[in-house]
Amino acid sequence: MAEKIPDKLYFKIGEVSNITGVEPYILRYWESEFKLVKPYRTKSNQRLYRRKDVESVIKIKKMLYEEKLTIAGAKKKIKANDIPEKQLPLGFSQEKYKQTLKDILTDLKDLYKTIGTT
């Protein structure tokens, strides 16, 4: 990837536009077409993109502009490459995510037992 993505947790739509060279109205359209791009919405409805979203935008841009694929072609390629359409936070695999949640639940139960006995 030629684009340099700053080391931040969240990016506003204007920042993503500057990083990727994709206009905000196109980003909004891609959001409706590709499940890979799902920015977080604040209470004021402002979009906040994660690093994974920005990386996905760069991949989509490459497919559409460099490889000259259509939207349908890009969707087909994403599906064929088995790129997960829903992304888990923290970059965990689904199994690691489940295990982390189980560990947290165990810790909470232990804490509850400790607090309940005092």
Protein backbone atom coordinates (compact mmCIF):
# COMPACT_ATOMS: atom_id res chain seq x y z
CA MET A 1 0.00 0.00 0.00
CA ALA A 2 1.44 3.30 -1.07
CA GLU A 3 -0.85 5.28 1.23
CA LYS A 4 0.58 5.99 4.69
CA ILE A 5 -2.04 5.50 7.39
CA PRO A 6 -1.34 7.48 10.59
CA ASP A 7 -1.18 5.53 13.84
CA LYS A 8 -4.62 6.46 15.23
CA LEU A 9 -7.66 4.54 16.42
CA TYR A 10 -10.30 6.51 14.54
CA PHE A 11 -10.41 8.75 11.47
CA LYS A 12 -13.03 11.24 10.35
CA ILE A 13 -14.34 10.99 6.80
CA GLY A 14 -12.24 13.97 5.65
CA GLU A 15 -9.09 12.33 7.00
CA VAL A 16 -9.92 9.06 5.21
CA SER A 17 -10.52 11.04 2.04
CA ASN A 18 -7.11 12.73 2.33
CA ILE A 19 -5.31 9.46 3.12
CA THR A 20 -6.92 7.43 0.33
CA GLY A 21 -7.58 10.09 -2.32
CA VAL A 22 -11.25 9.05 -2.44
CA GLU A 23 -13.91 11.75 -2.21
CA PRO A 24 -16.22 11.65 0.85
CA TYR A 25 -19.35 11.10 -1.27
CA ILE A 26 -17.69 8.03 -2.83
CA LEU A 27 -16.72 6.75 0.63
CA ARG A 28 -20.35 7.07 1.71
CA TYR A 29 -21.46 5.18 -1.42
CA TRP A 30 -18.90 2.40 -0.88
CA GLU A 31 -20.12 2.12 2.69
CA SER A 32 -23.55 1.23 1.31
CA GLU A 33 -22.11 -1.24 -1.22
CA PHE A 34 -19.32 -3.01 0.68
CA LYS A 35 -19.79 -4.54 4.12
CA LEU A 36 -16.02 -4.31 4.63
CA VAL A 37 -16.42 -0.57 5.21
CA LYS A 38 -18.53 -0.01 8.32
CA PRO A 39 -17.55 3.15 10.19
CA TYR A 40 -18.65 3.64 13.78
CA ARG A 41 -21.35 6.28 14.22
CA THR A 42 -21.19 8.73 17.12
CA LYS A 43 -24.30 9.97 18.91
CA SER A 44 -24.21 13.00 16.60
CA ASN A 45 -24.15 10.55 13.63
CA GLN A 46 -20.58 11.42 12.65
CA ARG A 47 -18.66 8.63 10.93
CA LEU A 48 -15.50 7.38 12.59
CA TYR A 49 -13.47 4.95 10.51
CA ARG A 50 -11.15 2.37 12.09
CA ARG A 51 -7.77 1.50 10.62
CA LYS A 52 -9.32 -1.68 9.13
CA ASP A 53 -11.94 0.45 7.39
CA VAL A 54 -9.23 2.66 5.87
CA GLU A 55 -7.28 -0.43 4.73
CA SER A 56 -10.49 -1.80 3.19
CA VAL A 57 -11.08 1.47 1.34
CA ILE A 58 -7.57 1.26 -0.08
CA LYS A 59 -8.19 -2.35 -1.23
CA ILE A 60 -11.52 -1.41 -2.80
CA LYS A 61 -9.94 1.59 -4.54
CA LYS A 62 -7.23 -0.65 -5.99
CA MET A 63 -9.79 -3.15 -7.28
CA LEU A 64 -11.97 -0.47 -8.85
CA TYR A 65 -9.40 2.01 -10.16
CA GLU A 66 -6.28 -0.06 -10.88
CA GLU A 67 -7.75 -3.47 -11.68
CA LYS A 68 -10.71 -1.78 -13.43
CA LEU A 69 -13.29 -4.04 -11.77
CA THR A 70 -16.93 -3.04 -11.48
CA ILE A 71 -18.61 -2.82 -8.08
CA ALA A 72 -20.12 -6.25 -8.74
CA GLY A 73 -16.74 -7.60 -9.83
CA ALA A 74 -15.06 -6.25 -6.69
CA LYS A 75 -17.76 -7.82 -4.51
CA LYS A 76 -17.26 -11.13 -6.31
CA LYS A 77 -13.49 -10.94 -5.82
CA ILE A 78 -13.91 -10.17 -2.11
CA LYS A 79 -16.21 -13.17 -1.76
CA ALA A 80 -13.92 -15.42 -3.83
CA ASN A 81 -10.87 -14.45 -1.77
CA ASP A 82 -12.91 -15.24 1.34
CA ILE A 83 -12.16 -11.82 2.83
CA PRO A 84 -14.44 -11.60 5.88
CA GLU A 85 -17.15 -9.03 5.29
CA LYS A 86 -17.64 -8.38 8.98
CA GLN A 87 -14.55 -7.40 10.88
CA LEU A 88 -14.00 -8.08 14.54
CA PRO A 89 -12.44 -5.34 16.65
CA LEU A 90 -8.84 -5.62 17.81
CA GLY A 91 -7.91 -7.77 14.82
CA PHE A 92 -8.79 -11.00 16.68
CA SER A 93 -9.86 -14.16 14.92
CA GLN A 94 -13.36 -15.24 15.82
CA GLU A 95 -12.05 -18.06 18.03
CA LYS A 96 -9.65 -15.77 19.91
CA TYR A 97 -12.48 -13.26 20.33
CA LYS A 98 -14.73 -15.94 21.84
CA GLN A 99 -11.96 -17.16 24.14
CA THR A 100 -11.24 -13.62 25.33
CA LEU A 101 -14.92 -13.13 26.17
CA LYS A 102 -14.97 -16.46 28.05
CA ASP A 103 -11.88 -15.40 30.02
CA ILE A 104 -13.49 -12.07 30.91
CA LEU A 105 -16.66 -13.85 32.02
CA THR A 106 -14.64 -16.21 34.24
CA ASP A 107 -12.78 -13.26 35.79
CA LEU A 108 -16.05 -11.46 36.46
CA LYS A 109 -17.56 -14.55 38.10
CA ASP A 110 -14.48 -14.92 40.32
CA LEU A 111 -14.66 -11.24 41.25
CA TYR A 112 -18.36 -11.57 42.05
CA LYS A 113 -17.64 -14.54 44.33
CA THR A 114 -14.90 -12.58 46.11
CA ILE A 115 -17.08 -9.51 46.59
CA GLY A 116 -20.11 -11.58 47.60
CA THR A 117 -18.25 -13.33 50.42
CA THR A 118 -16.89 -10.18 52.10
